[in-house]
Amino acid sequence: MQILIKLLGSIKASYLPAFITLAVVFFCTVNTTSNPLQLSVSNIWFYIICLCNLIFLFFSKNSKTLFFTLFIVVLYICISKIASSSNIPLMFHPLYQWICLLLPINLFLIKNIPDTVDLSLTDTGRKKLSKKYSLRNFYILCAFLLQATIVENFYISGFNNLPESFSLIGFMFSVVFLIYLLIFISIYPSVKNNAFFFASLLILWGTFAAASSPFSFSFSFLGAVFIIFTENIDFSLSNYFRDDVTGVYSANSFKKHDAKKFPPKYTVAFFYIDNYNKILNFFGQTQTNKLTKMVIKRISSLNLPALTYRLRPDEFCFVFFDTDVRQAYELIEEMRRLVACTEFVLSSKKILKITITPVVSEKRRSDADAFAVLMRMHENFYQKYKFTQNMTFCEEMENMKKNKAKR
């Protein structure tokens, strides 16, 4: 049943990239001639969309998509140059055969580039993870340059009489890579992962079709960059108000709702996932995201009468409208106990028990808005976090206990 749900989720996240892919295949199948005007128009649009995508990525700062876009541009220029300057059929050109062999390998490297995570407001542990990701990106870039150097040296040294089966090996590598991607998006369905699959499919198809149909080559690469561009826009817009990992509201939604939806009186609660940095460093981003989704799914089983927000990677916020601070305290305490007694199964060999530290407080007259409530809660909480870890903290409840003790 879980596999079926994941497959359905993968299909749902594939609507737009699948439609673009089918449109590209249809137009390439219908157009059997290589009209120079069509090729020039397709080339112009390819570079225009690539430029728009790179400008967009300059602001969104996603390293994987940036690598992917630059790789497609370089690949497109290289194949076009080889096709226009070669006196022999493209399929027998040694550089083209090398490209066919190395293309799925390079796509696999790009696939394993970690998505950029905003770590600018986090602590030392996540900054170390950011450095680790940057180092991995550097190694992948070195792998690209090493491949280019090796192929160039082989070509210059005369190793250019390659057998016809050389391209066939590249084709088999491509099939294996696409099967791997298909399995991956079935397990981890998302718009971003599915867009990468369909864009890779068009790139591989366009590269192998370049030898027989220049229009199919040009138009398939145009479709690939268009998929990436639309995915970037969709991802940025949806992530502005929704958290991509858990699907709950984001910090931007909190600010928007704060100004428009919250009533004059409400109760705010938030919790931290304890030792989040250690979990992130040990298990990595993918497994930590999986764990975070399981935590929110477990908490959702309580059906809390509240709006849920993810303010930071390790911090979730709840806003209760028709619940006083005492009721909210009981609900959040129940949530803490539920998480503490749950075993989260990442794999057959990775069964983890974690804790969360919740905080509850009511909006006071002195608080200008919900953000001011959060700031006050944070300031009071940080002073006691070392002593209250894995305990529910509520300033109002603590004051009530102190007043009773004085009496």
Foldseek 3Di string as FASTA:
>chain_A
DVLVVLQVLQVVLQVVLVVLLVVLVVVPVVDPDADVVLLVVLVVLLVVLLVVQVVLCVVVVWVLLNVVSVVLVVVLVVLVVCCVPDPDQSLLWQVLLLCLQCVLVLLVLSVPLDTDDPCPPDDDLVVVVVVVSVVSVVVSVVVVVVSVVVSVVCVVVPVTRDDSCSSVNSVVSLVVSLVVLVVVCSVVPHNVSSLSSSLSVLQSVLSVCCSPHVSSVSSSSSSSSVSSSVSSVVVVVLVQQAPRLQRAGEPNVVVVCFVPPADPKWKKKKKFWPPLSVCCVPVHDVLSSVVVNVLVVQLCVLVDQWGWYDYDSGMIMTIHRPDDQVRVLVSVLVSQVSQQPDWDDSDPPDTDRTGMEMEMEIDDPVQPTVVSVVVVRVVVCVVCCVPQGSHYYYPVVVVVVVVVVVD
